[in-house]
Amino acid sequence: MSSSGSQSWSTARSIGGGEDFSSPIRYREGPLDYEPPVMCKCGRKAARWISWSNENPGRRYFKCFSARARHGGCDLWLWYDRADYASHFIKTVIVDLRDVARSLKKENGELKTVIDDGVARQEEHRAEARRLHHVIAEKEASNDELNKRVEKLEHEKYVLKLVIFAFVGLVFCLVWWK
């Protein structure tokens, strides 16, 4: 049963006290991709998982695959690696690296949320900009109409001044020659 190396198999979060037992890195092989097989009490191949606890970081163990997936299964659980699988220094380094990986994953998730929010706001701004461009186009069209009307009224005002001036001139001439 081959599986992708990009699959993160362990998804257990916390048990009671809040410690995160999920895998901080992607598994290099699937939980059933090992030989020779270890059979669990319910007759299936047991899954091989990696412990990410502070006490046993990186230590591998077997557990019934069905029990882990909450589909029943049996209570098989046993260590694959010996208790002295790594020195205290190596365990400490693994815990530190685990914590850094989890911190970076959390920060990455937060940054993705910020980016998603920014993209949503950007789309809102673009929609508002399109609306405002439409309003500006309407105002410019209205302004063009008003400018034409002003030009027409100024022309009428000029003509009216000429008529008044001509009329006043005519009245003045009539009064003067009389």
C-alpha atoms as a PDB file:
ATOM      1  CA  MET A   1       0.000   0.000   0.000  1.00  0.00           C
ATOM      2  CA  SER A   2       2.114   2.865  -1.282  1.00  0.00           C
ATOM      3  CA  SER A   3       1.294   6.407  -0.342  1.00  0.00           C
ATOM      4  CA  SER A   4       2.479   9.873  -1.170  1.00  0.00           C
ATOM      5  CA  GLY A   5       5.360  11.295   0.808  1.00  0.00           C
ATOM      6  CA  SER A   6       3.456  14.555   1.029  1.00  0.00           C
ATOM      7  CA  GLN A   7       0.680  13.035   3.130  1.00  0.00           C
ATOM      8  CA  SER A   8       0.584  14.084   6.758  1.00  0.00           C
ATOM      9  CA  TRP A   9      -0.782  11.006   8.464  1.00  0.00           C
ATOM     10  CA  SER A  10      -0.881  11.933  12.112  1.00  0.00           C
ATOM     11  CA  THR A  11      -3.684  14.299  12.997  1.00  0.00           C
ATOM     12  CA  ALA A  12      -4.117  13.683  16.734  1.00  0.00           C
ATOM     13  CA  ARG A  13      -4.167  17.006  18.549  1.00  0.00           C
ATOM     14  CA  SER A  14      -4.243  17.018  22.294  1.00  0.00           C
ATOM     15  CA  ILE A  15      -5.101  14.524  24.947  1.00  0.00           C
ATOM     16  CA  GLY A  16      -6.412  16.192  28.077  1.00  0.00           C
ATOM     17  CA  GLY A  17      -3.484  18.429  29.042  1.00  0.00           C
ATOM     18  CA  GLY A  18      -3.205  20.309  25.770  1.00  0.00           C
ATOM     19  CA  GLU A  19       0.005  18.782  24.364  1.00  0.00           C
ATOM     20  CA  ASP A  20      -0.066  18.607  20.570  1.00  0.00           C
ATOM     21  CA  PHE A  21       0.779  15.103  19.325  1.00  0.00           C
ATOM     22  CA  SER A  22       0.250  15.804  15.623  1.00  0.00           C
ATOM     23  CA  SER A  23       3.111  15.323  13.213  1.00  0.00           C
ATOM     24  CA  PRO A  24       5.061  18.541  12.649  1.00  0.00           C
ATOM     25  CA  ILE A  25       6.484  17.192   9.378  1.00  0.00           C
ATOM     26  CA  ARG A  26       5.191  15.152   6.473  1.00  0.00           C
ATOM     27  CA  TYR A  27       5.719  11.415   6.820  1.00  0.00           C
ATOM     28  CA  ARG A  28       8.267  10.021   4.377  1.00  0.00           C
ATOM     29  CA  GLU A  29       6.263   6.807   4.116  1.00  0.00           C
ATOM     30  CA  GLY A  30       2.704   5.806   4.847  1.00  0.00           C
ATOM     31  CA  PRO A  31       1.827   4.114   8.150  1.00  0.00           C
ATOM     32  CA  LEU A  32       1.358   0.758   6.390  1.00  0.00           C
ATOM     33  CA  ASP A  33       4.445   1.023   4.137  1.00  0.00           C
ATOM     34  CA  TYR A  34       6.855  -1.134   6.123  1.00  0.00           C
ATOM     35  CA  GLU A  35       8.064  -4.746   6.148  1.00  0.00           C
ATOM     36  CA  PRO A  36       7.843  -7.258   7.712  1.00  0.00           C
ATOM     37  CA  PRO A  37       4.229  -6.684   8.654  1.00  0.00           C
ATOM     38  CA  VAL A  38       3.113  -6.625  12.279  1.00  0.00           C
ATOM     39  CA  MET A  39      -0.404  -7.974  12.608  1.00  0.00           C
ATOM     40  CA  CYS A  40      -2.759  -6.514  15.176  1.00  0.00           C
ATOM     41  CA  LYS A  41      -5.247  -8.461  17.272  1.00  0.00           C
ATOM     42  CA  CYS A  42      -8.075  -7.855  14.816  1.00  0.00           C
ATOM     43  CA  GLY A  43      -6.104  -9.555  12.012  1.00  0.00           C
ATOM     44  CA  ARG A  44      -5.051  -6.461  10.046  1.00  0.00           C
ATOM     45  CA  LYS A  45      -1.622  -4.985   9.461  1.00  0.00           C
ATOM     46  CA  ALA A  46      -0.825  -2.573  12.293  1.00  0.00           C
ATOM     47  CA  ALA A  47       0.086   1.005  11.439  1.00  0.00           C
ATOM     48  CA  ARG A  48       3.530   2.322  12.321  1.00  0.00           C
ATOM     49  CA  TRP A  49       3.356   5.863  13.664  1.00  0.00           C
ATOM     50  CA  ILE A  50       5.874   8.352  15.038  1.00  0.00           C
ATOM     51  CA  SER A  51       5.571   9.749  18.549  1.00  0.00           C
ATOM     52  CA  TRP A  52       5.939  13.527  18.836  1.00  0.00           C
ATOM     53  CA  SER A  53       5.613  13.698  22.629  1.00  0.00           C
ATOM     54  CA  ASN A  54       8.274  15.466  24.695  1.00  0.00           C
ATOM     55  CA  GLU A  55       9.256  12.157  26.301  1.00  0.00           C
ATOM     56  CA  ASN A  56       9.645  10.098  23.090  1.00  0.00           C
ATOM     57  CA  PRO A  57      10.113  12.469  20.138  1.00  0.00           C
ATOM     58  CA  GLY A  58      10.687  10.640  16.882  1.00  0.00           C
ATOM     59  CA  ARG A  59      10.224   7.197  18.450  1.00  0.00           C
ATOM     60  CA  ARG A  60       8.151   4.875  16.279  1.00  0.00           C
ATOM     61  CA  TYR A  61       5.370   2.622  17.531  1.00  0.00           C
ATOM     62  CA  PHE A  62       2.679   0.266  16.240  1.00  0.00           C
ATOM     63  CA  LYS A  63      -1.021   0.780  16.761  1.00  0.00           C
ATOM     64  CA  CYS A  64      -4.120  -0.763  15.199  1.00  0.00           C
ATOM     65  CA  PHE A  65      -4.886   1.352  12.121  1.00  0.00           C
ATOM     66  CA  SER A  66      -8.646   0.954  12.601  1.00  0.00           C
ATOM     67  CA  ALA A  67      -8.454   2.071  16.234  1.00  0.00           C
ATOM     68  CA  ARG A  68      -6.584   5.196  15.196  1.00  0.00           C
ATOM     69  CA  ALA A  69      -9.228   5.993  12.586  1.00  0.00           C
ATOM     70  CA  ARG A  70     -11.957   5.479  15.232  1.00  0.00           C
ATOM     71  CA  HIS A  71     -13.568   2.620  13.338  1.00  0.00           C
ATOM     72  CA  GLY A  72     -13.320   0.141  16.157  1.00  0.00           C
ATOM     73  CA  GLY A  73     -10.198  -1.948  15.816  1.00  0.00           C
ATOM     74  CA  CYS A  74      -8.275  -3.415  18.710  1.00  0.00           C
ATOM     75  CA  ASP A  75      -6.086  -2.118  21.515  1.00  0.00           C
ATOM     76  CA  LEU A  76      -2.719  -3.126  20.008  1.00  0.00           C
ATOM     77  CA  TRP A  77       0.022  -0.676  20.936  1.00  0.00           C
ATOM     78  CA  LEU A  78       3.752  -1.389  21.136  1.00  0.00           C
ATOM     79  CA  TRP A  79       7.040   0.409  20.552  1.00  0.00           C
ATOM     80  CA  TYR A  80       8.957  -0.300  17.339  1.00  0.00           C
ATOM     81  CA  ASP A  81      12.141   1.493  18.476  1.00  0.00           C
ATOM     82  CA  ARG A  82      13.973   0.529  21.666  1.00  0.00           C
ATOM     83  CA  ALA A  83      13.792   2.845  24.691  1.00  0.00           C
ATOM     84  CA  ASP A  84      17.426   3.920  24.133  1.00  0.00           C
ATOM     85  CA  TYR A  85      16.741   4.824  20.468  1.00  0.00           C
ATOM     86  CA  ALA A  86      18.318   8.289  20.872  1.00  0.00           C
ATOM     87  CA  SER A  87      20.440  10.257  23.316  1.00  0.00           C
ATOM     88  CA  HIS A  88      18.959  12.980  25.509  1.00  0.00           C
ATOM     89  CA  PHE A  89      20.653  15.576  23.275  1.00  0.00           C
ATOM     90  CA  ILE A  90      19.065  14.175  20.099  1.00  0.00           C
ATOM     91  CA  LYS A  91      15.648  14.018  21.782  1.00  0.00           C
ATOM     92  CA  THR A  92      16.009  17.663  22.862  1.00  0.00           C
ATOM     93  CA  VAL A  93      16.992  18.708  19.334  1.00  0.00           C
ATOM     94  CA  ILE A  94      14.005  16.817  17.889  1.00  0.00           C
ATOM     95  CA  VAL A  95      11.631  18.530  20.356  1.00  0.00           C
ATOM     96  CA  ASP A  96      13.126  21.943  19.512  1.00  0.00           C
ATOM     97  CA  LEU A  97      12.838  21.314  15.774  1.00  0.00           C
ATOM     98  CA  ARG A  98       9.285  20.017  16.250  1.00  0.00           C
ATOM     99  CA  ASP A  99       8.352  23.212  18.077  1.00  0.00           C
ATOM    100  CA  VAL A 100       9.946  25.391  15.376  1.00  0.00           C
ATOM    101  CA  ALA A 101       8.118  23.461  12.632  1.00  0.00           C
ATOM    102  CA  ARG A 102       4.788  23.860  14.452  1.00  0.00           C
ATOM    103  CA  SER A 103       5.449  27.552  15.042  1.00  0.00           C
ATOM    104  CA  LEU A 104       6.264  28.085  11.363  1.00  0.00           C
ATOM    105  CA  LYS A 105       3.140  26.173  10.308  1.00  0.00           C
ATOM    106  CA  LYS A 106       1.042  28.343  12.617  1.00  0.00           C
ATOM    107  CA  GLU A 107       2.668  31.528  11.317  1.00  0.00           C
ATOM    108  CA  ASN A 108       2.179  30.317   7.739  1.00  0.00           C
ATOM    109  CA  GLY A 109      -1.512  29.720   8.431  1.00  0.00           C
ATOM    110  CA  GLU A 110      -1.849  33.191   9.937  1.00  0.00           C
ATOM    111  CA  LEU A 111      -0.073  34.745   6.942  1.00  0.00           C
ATOM    112  CA  LYS A 112      -2.363  32.863   4.552  1.00  0.00           C
ATOM    113  CA  THR A 113      -5.337  34.264   6.464  1.00  0.00           C
ATOM    114  CA  VAL A 114      -3.886  37.775   6.177  1.00  0.00           C
ATOM    115  CA  ILE A 115      -3.327  37.258   2.445  1.00  0.00           C
ATOM    116  CA  ASP A 116      -6.861  35.926   1.973  1.00  0.00           C
ATOM    117  CA  ASP A 117      -8.235  38.939   3.859  1.00  0.00           C
ATOM    118  CA  GLY A 118      -6.078  41.245   1.743  1.00  0.00           C
ATOM    119  CA  VAL A 119      -7.279  39.619  -1.473  1.00  0.00           C
ATOM    120  CA  ALA A 120     -10.899  39.976  -0.328  1.00  0.00           C
ATOM    121  CA  ARG A 121     -10.344  43.643   0.577  1.00  0.00           C
ATOM    122  CA  GLN A 122      -8.581  44.206  -2.744  1.00  0.00           C
ATOM    123  CA  GLU A 123     -11.580  42.790  -4.609  1.00  0.00           C
ATOM    124  CA  GLU A 124     -13.889  45.027  -2.564  1.00  0.00           C
ATOM    125  CA  HIS A 125     -11.709  48.013  -3.463  1.00  0.00           C
ATOM    126  CA  ARG A 126     -11.746  47.042  -7.129  1.00  0.00           C
ATOM    127  CA  ALA A 127     -15.541  46.779  -7.059  1.00  0.00           C
ATOM    128  CA  GLU A 128     -15.735  50.182  -5.361  1.00  0.00           C
ATOM    129  CA  ALA A 129     -13.307  51.619  -7.940  1.00  0.00           C
ATOM    130  CA  ARG A 130     -15.474  50.258 -10.786  1.00  0.00           C
ATOM    131  CA  ARG A 131     -18.548  51.804  -9.158  1.00  0.00           C
ATOM    132  CA  LEU A 132     -16.761  55.131  -8.716  1.00  0.00           C
ATOM    133  CA  HIS A 133     -15.533  55.079 -12.330  1.00  0.00           C
ATOM    134  CA  HIS A 134     -19.140  54.598 -13.390  1.00  0.00           C
ATOM    135  CA  VAL A 135     -20.243  57.504 -11.161  1.00  0.00           C
ATOM    136  CA  ILE A 136     -17.431  59.669 -12.571  1.00  0.00           C
ATOM    137  CA  ALA A 137     -18.482  58.811 -16.131  1.00  0.00           C
ATOM    138  CA  GLU A 138     -22.077  59.782 -15.298  1.00  0.00           C
ATOM    139  CA  LYS A 139     -20.899  63.036 -13.675  1.00  0.00           C
ATOM    140  CA  GLU A 140     -18.676  63.835 -16.660  1.00  0.00           C
ATOM    141  CA  ALA A 141     -21.596  63.261 -19.031  1.00  0.00           C
ATOM    142  CA  SER A 142     -23.789  65.473 -16.848  1.00  0.00           C
ATOM    143  CA  ASN A 143     -20.998  68.060 -16.685  1.00  0.00           C
ATOM    144  CA  ASP A 144     -20.677  68.019 -20.504  1.00  0.00           C
ATOM    145  CA  GLU A 145     -24.408  68.659 -20.815  1.00  0.00           C
ATOM    146  CA  LEU A 146     -24.189  71.517 -18.299  1.00  0.00           C
ATOM    147  CA  ASN A 147     -21.188  73.021 -20.127  1.00  0.00           C
ATOM    148  CA  LYS A 148     -23.127  72.948 -23.412  1.00  0.00           C
ATOM    149  CA  ARG A 149     -26.081  74.575 -21.685  1.00  0.00           C
ATOM    150  CA  VAL A 150     -23.800  77.263 -20.182  1.00  0.00           C
ATOM    151  CA  GLU A 151     -22.334  77.943 -23.634  1.00  0.00           C
ATOM    152  CA  LYS A 152     -25.832  78.227 -25.084  1.00  0.00           C
ATOM    153  CA  LEU A 153     -26.928  80.572 -22.274  1.00  0.00           C
ATOM    154  CA  GLU A 154     -23.793  82.702 -22.688  1.00  0.00           C
ATOM    155  CA  HIS A 155     -24.512  82.948 -26.421  1.00  0.00           C
ATOM    156  CA  GLU A 156     -28.117  83.902 -25.682  1.00  0.00           C
ATOM    157  CA  LYS A 157     -26.865  86.446 -23.116  1.00  0.00           C
ATOM    158  CA  TYR A 158     -24.535  87.947 -25.744  1.00  0.00           C
ATOM    159  CA  VAL A 159     -27.338  88.125 -28.299  1.00  0.00           C
ATOM    160  CA  LEU A 160     -29.658  89.642 -25.692  1.00  0.00           C
ATOM    161  CA  LYS A 161     -27.033  92.275 -24.799  1.00  0.00           C
ATOM    162  CA  LEU A 162     -26.707  93.131 -28.494  1.00  0.00           C
ATOM    163  CA  VAL A 163     -30.475  93.458 -28.823  1.00  0.00           C
ATOM    164  CA  ILE A 164     -30.670  95.627 -25.682  1.00  0.00           C
ATOM    165  CA  PHE A 165     -27.728  97.739 -26.844  1.00  0.00           C
ATOM    166  CA  ALA A 166     -29.320  98.146 -30.260  1.00  0.00           C
ATOM    167  CA  PHE A 167     -32.679  98.996 -28.686  1.00  0.00           C
ATOM    168  CA  VAL A 168     -31.091 101.532 -26.294  1.00  0.00           C
ATOM    169  CA  GLY A 169     -29.198 103.003 -29.220  1.00  0.00           C
ATOM    170  CA  LEU A 170     -32.383 103.235 -31.243  1.00  0.00           C
ATOM    171  CA  VAL A 171     -34.228 104.897 -28.348  1.00  0.00           C
ATOM    172  CA  PHE A 172     -31.321 107.263 -27.826  1.00  0.00           C
ATOM    173  CA  CYS A 173     -31.270 108.154 -31.512  1.00  0.00           C
ATOM    174  CA  LEU A 174     -35.011 108.724 -31.539  1.00  0.00           C
ATOM    175  CA  VAL A 175     -34.839 110.945 -28.468  1.00  0.00           C
ATOM    176  CA  TRP A 176     -31.844 112.828 -29.810  1.00  0.00           C
ATOM    177  CA  TRP A 177     -33.359 113.564 -33.217  1.00  0.00           C
ATOM    178  CA  LYS A 178     -36.643 114.603 -32.018  1.00  0.00           C
END
